[in-house]
């Protein structure tokens, strides 16, 4: 495995995550694990999103990646402004009238906003982002869990 991993190139993009109002700590822990796998630079936890430290059961989910992936608690607006000032394109993972397929996203420096499990990204945040993208789904289901959506989005943006 170590020989195989040495051959893999680093992701072509710099990606930050902004987790807005993620209700379930299990989802946050799962996203930390996925974020580490895709070399996410930092995770901003905002609103009602659960924050580390995680208990024993959640550390099993995160595999202690909250200790390896830098994170910070801020308001969503502060996180967006900080990253915009650093030249990052802010993209909401949300279905909007302007949502794009992941492959149409060409920006190299991205902050991806993931919203609440039931309500998605809040309207005020959608007004502040530069773009939105969606994950094409071909079944009858109308949504994915936020942890699964984070993994698919990160894969789409880094491959």
Protein backbone atom coordinates (compact mmCIF):
# COMPACT_ATOMS: atom_id res chain seq x y z
CA UNK A 1 0.00 0.00 0.00
CA UNK A 2 2.79 2.45 0.85
CA UNK A 3 4.43 1.90 -2.58
CA UNK A 4 1.10 2.41 -4.30
CA UNK A 5 0.34 5.59 -2.36
CA UNK A 6 3.75 7.10 -3.28
CA UNK A 7 2.70 7.00 -6.93
CA UNK A 8 -0.49 8.98 -6.39
CA UNK A 9 -0.24 12.65 -7.27
CA UNK A 10 -1.44 15.35 -4.92
CA UNK A 11 -4.90 16.74 -5.66
CA UNK A 12 -4.92 19.40 -8.38
CA UNK A 13 -6.97 21.79 -6.25
CA UNK A 14 -6.74 23.40 -2.85
CA UNK A 15 -9.99 22.76 -1.02
CA UNK A 16 -11.43 24.04 2.23
CA UNK A 17 -14.73 22.85 3.67
CA UNK A 18 -17.35 24.97 5.41
CA UNK A 19 -19.80 22.81 7.35
CA UNK A 20 -22.92 24.84 8.08
CA UNK A 21 -25.40 23.66 10.70
CA UNK A 22 -24.54 19.96 10.43
CA UNK A 23 -26.91 18.45 12.94
CA UNK A 24 -25.41 15.03 13.61
CA UNK A 25 -21.95 14.62 15.12
CA UNK A 26 -21.62 11.29 13.27
CA UNK A 27 -21.77 13.17 9.96
CA UNK A 28 -19.15 15.67 11.12
CA UNK A 29 -16.84 12.86 12.24
CA UNK A 30 -17.33 11.07 8.92
CA UNK A 31 -16.54 14.23 6.97
CA UNK A 32 -13.30 14.70 8.91
CA UNK A 33 -12.22 11.22 7.86
CA UNK A 34 -13.10 11.87 4.24
CA UNK A 35 -11.50 15.33 4.29
CA UNK A 36 -8.19 13.87 5.42
CA UNK A 37 -8.30 11.35 2.58
CA UNK A 38 -8.64 14.19 0.04
CA UNK A 39 -6.08 16.51 1.68
CA UNK A 40 -8.60 19.20 2.56
CA UNK A 41 -6.64 22.20 3.86
CA UNK A 42 -9.00 23.07 6.70
CA UNK A 43 -12.57 22.63 7.86
CA UNK A 44 -14.60 25.57 9.12
CA UNK A 45 -17.39 24.48 11.45
CA UNK A 46 -20.21 27.02 11.55
CA UNK A 47 -23.61 27.57 13.06
CA UNK A 48 -24.94 24.59 15.00
CA UNK A 49 -22.38 22.16 13.58
CA UNK A 50 -21.03 19.78 16.20
CA UNK A 51 -17.37 20.35 17.06
CA UNK A 52 -14.59 18.10 18.37
CA UNK A 53 -13.50 16.74 20.72
CA UNK A 54 -15.41 13.62 19.80
CA UNK A 55 -16.23 10.84 22.25
CA UNK A 56 -14.98 7.28 21.92
CA UNK A 57 -17.70 6.13 19.51
CA UNK A 58 -17.29 9.12 17.20
CA UNK A 59 -13.50 8.73 17.19
CA UNK A 60 -14.17 5.30 15.68
CA UNK A 61 -16.06 7.03 12.87
CA UNK A 62 -13.49 9.80 12.36
CA UNK A 63 -10.47 7.56 12.97
CA UNK A 64 -9.09 10.54 14.93
CA UNK A 65 -8.78 12.64 11.75
CA UNK A 66 -10.01 15.70 13.68
CA UNK A 67 -6.46 15.67 15.08
CA UNK A 68 -4.91 15.69 11.59
CA UNK A 69 -7.22 18.03 9.65
CA UNK A 70 -7.03 21.63 10.87
CA UNK A 71 -10.39 23.02 11.90
CA UNK A 72 -11.82 26.19 13.31
CA UNK A 73 -15.22 27.35 14.55
CA UNK A 74 -16.41 30.62 12.94
CA UNK A 75 -19.62 32.12 11.66
CA UNK A 76 -20.40 31.12 8.10
CA UNK A 77 -20.06 34.74 6.95
CA UNK A 78 -16.65 35.12 8.60
CA UNK A 79 -15.39 31.87 7.05
CA UNK A 80 -16.62 32.90 3.59
CA UNK A 81 -15.11 36.38 3.86
CA UNK A 82 -11.78 35.03 5.09
CA UNK A 83 -11.52 32.60 2.19
CA UNK A 84 -12.77 35.06 -0.44
CA UNK A 85 -10.09 37.51 0.72
CA UNK A 86 -7.52 34.76 0.12
CA UNK A 87 -8.78 34.25 -3.44
CA UNK A 88 -10.89 31.14 -2.97
CA UNK A 89 -14.07 30.53 -4.95
CA UNK A 90 -16.92 29.70 -2.58
CA UNK A 91 -19.15 26.92 -3.88
CA UNK A 92 -22.29 25.62 -2.19
CA UNK A 93 -23.19 21.97 -2.67
CA UNK A 94 -26.85 22.70 -3.26
CA UNK A 95 -29.45 22.51 -6.01
CA UNK A 96 -30.15 26.04 -7.24
CA UNK A 97 -31.19 27.52 -10.58
CA UNK A 98 -27.50 28.13 -11.33
CA UNK A 99 -26.05 24.85 -10.02
CA UNK A 100 -23.34 23.31 -12.18
CA UNK A 101 -22.14 19.79 -12.76
CA UNK A 102 -18.94 19.13 -10.78
CA UNK A 103 -16.92 18.66 -13.98
CA UNK A 104 -17.81 22.22 -15.06
CA UNK A 105 -16.08 23.67 -11.99
CA UNK A 106 -12.67 24.87 -13.17
CA UNK A 107 -11.52 26.92 -10.18
CA UNK A 108 -8.27 25.79 -8.57
CA UNK A 109 -8.86 27.21 -5.08
CA UNK A 110 -12.22 26.20 -3.67
CA UNK A 111 -14.16 26.45 -0.44
CA UNK A 112 -17.04 23.99 -0.53
CA UNK A 113 -20.07 24.73 1.67
CA UNK A 114 -22.06 21.75 2.94
CA UNK A 115 -25.38 22.44 4.61
CA UNK A 116 -27.77 20.95 7.13
CA UNK A 117 -29.01 17.40 6.60
CA UNK A 118 -32.67 18.44 6.33
CA UNK A 119 -32.59 22.05 5.15
CA UNK A 120 -29.37 22.35 3.13
CA UNK A 121 -27.39 25.57 2.84
CA UNK A 122 -29.23 28.60 4.27
CA UNK A 123 -30.48 31.30 1.90
CA UNK A 124 -28.19 34.00 3.30
CA UNK A 125 -25.17 31.78 2.62
CA UNK A 126 -26.41 30.98 -0.90
CA UNK A 127 -26.52 34.72 -1.57
CA UNK A 128 -22.87 35.02 -0.47
CA UNK A 129 -21.36 32.13 -2.46
CA UNK A 130 -19.82 32.50 -5.91
CA UNK A 131 -21.29 29.32 -7.40
CA UNK A 132 -23.26 26.24 -6.57
CA UNK A 133 -22.86 22.68 -7.77
CA UNK A 134 -24.93 19.54 -7.53
CA UNK A 135 -24.34 15.82 -7.63
CA UNK A 136 -26.26 14.19 -10.48
CA UNK A 137 -28.57 11.50 -9.14
CA UNK A 138 -30.37 9.07 -11.39
CA UNK A 139 -32.56 7.18 -8.95
CA UNK A 140 -35.82 8.24 -7.39
CA UNK A 141 -34.22 9.46 -4.16
CA UNK A 142 -33.99 13.20 -3.78
CA UNK A 143 -30.94 13.45 -1.53
CA UNK A 144 -27.83 11.84 -0.11
CA UNK A 145 -26.50 11.94 3.42
CA UNK A 146 -24.19 14.92 3.89
CA UNK A 147 -21.25 12.62 4.61
CA UNK A 148 -21.74 10.67 1.39
CA UNK A 149 -22.32 13.89 -0.57
CA UNK A 150 -19.07 15.32 0.83
CA UNK A 151 -17.16 12.26 -0.37
CA UNK A 152 -18.65 12.36 -3.86
CA UNK A 153 -18.10 16.11 -4.17
CA UNK A 154 -14.48 15.90 -2.99
CA UNK A 155 -13.77 13.04 -5.36
CA UNK A 156 -15.36 14.93 -8.25
CA UNK A 157 -13.35 18.06 -7.49
CA UNK A 158 -10.00 16.33 -7.01
CA UNK A 159 -9.97 13.74 -9.77
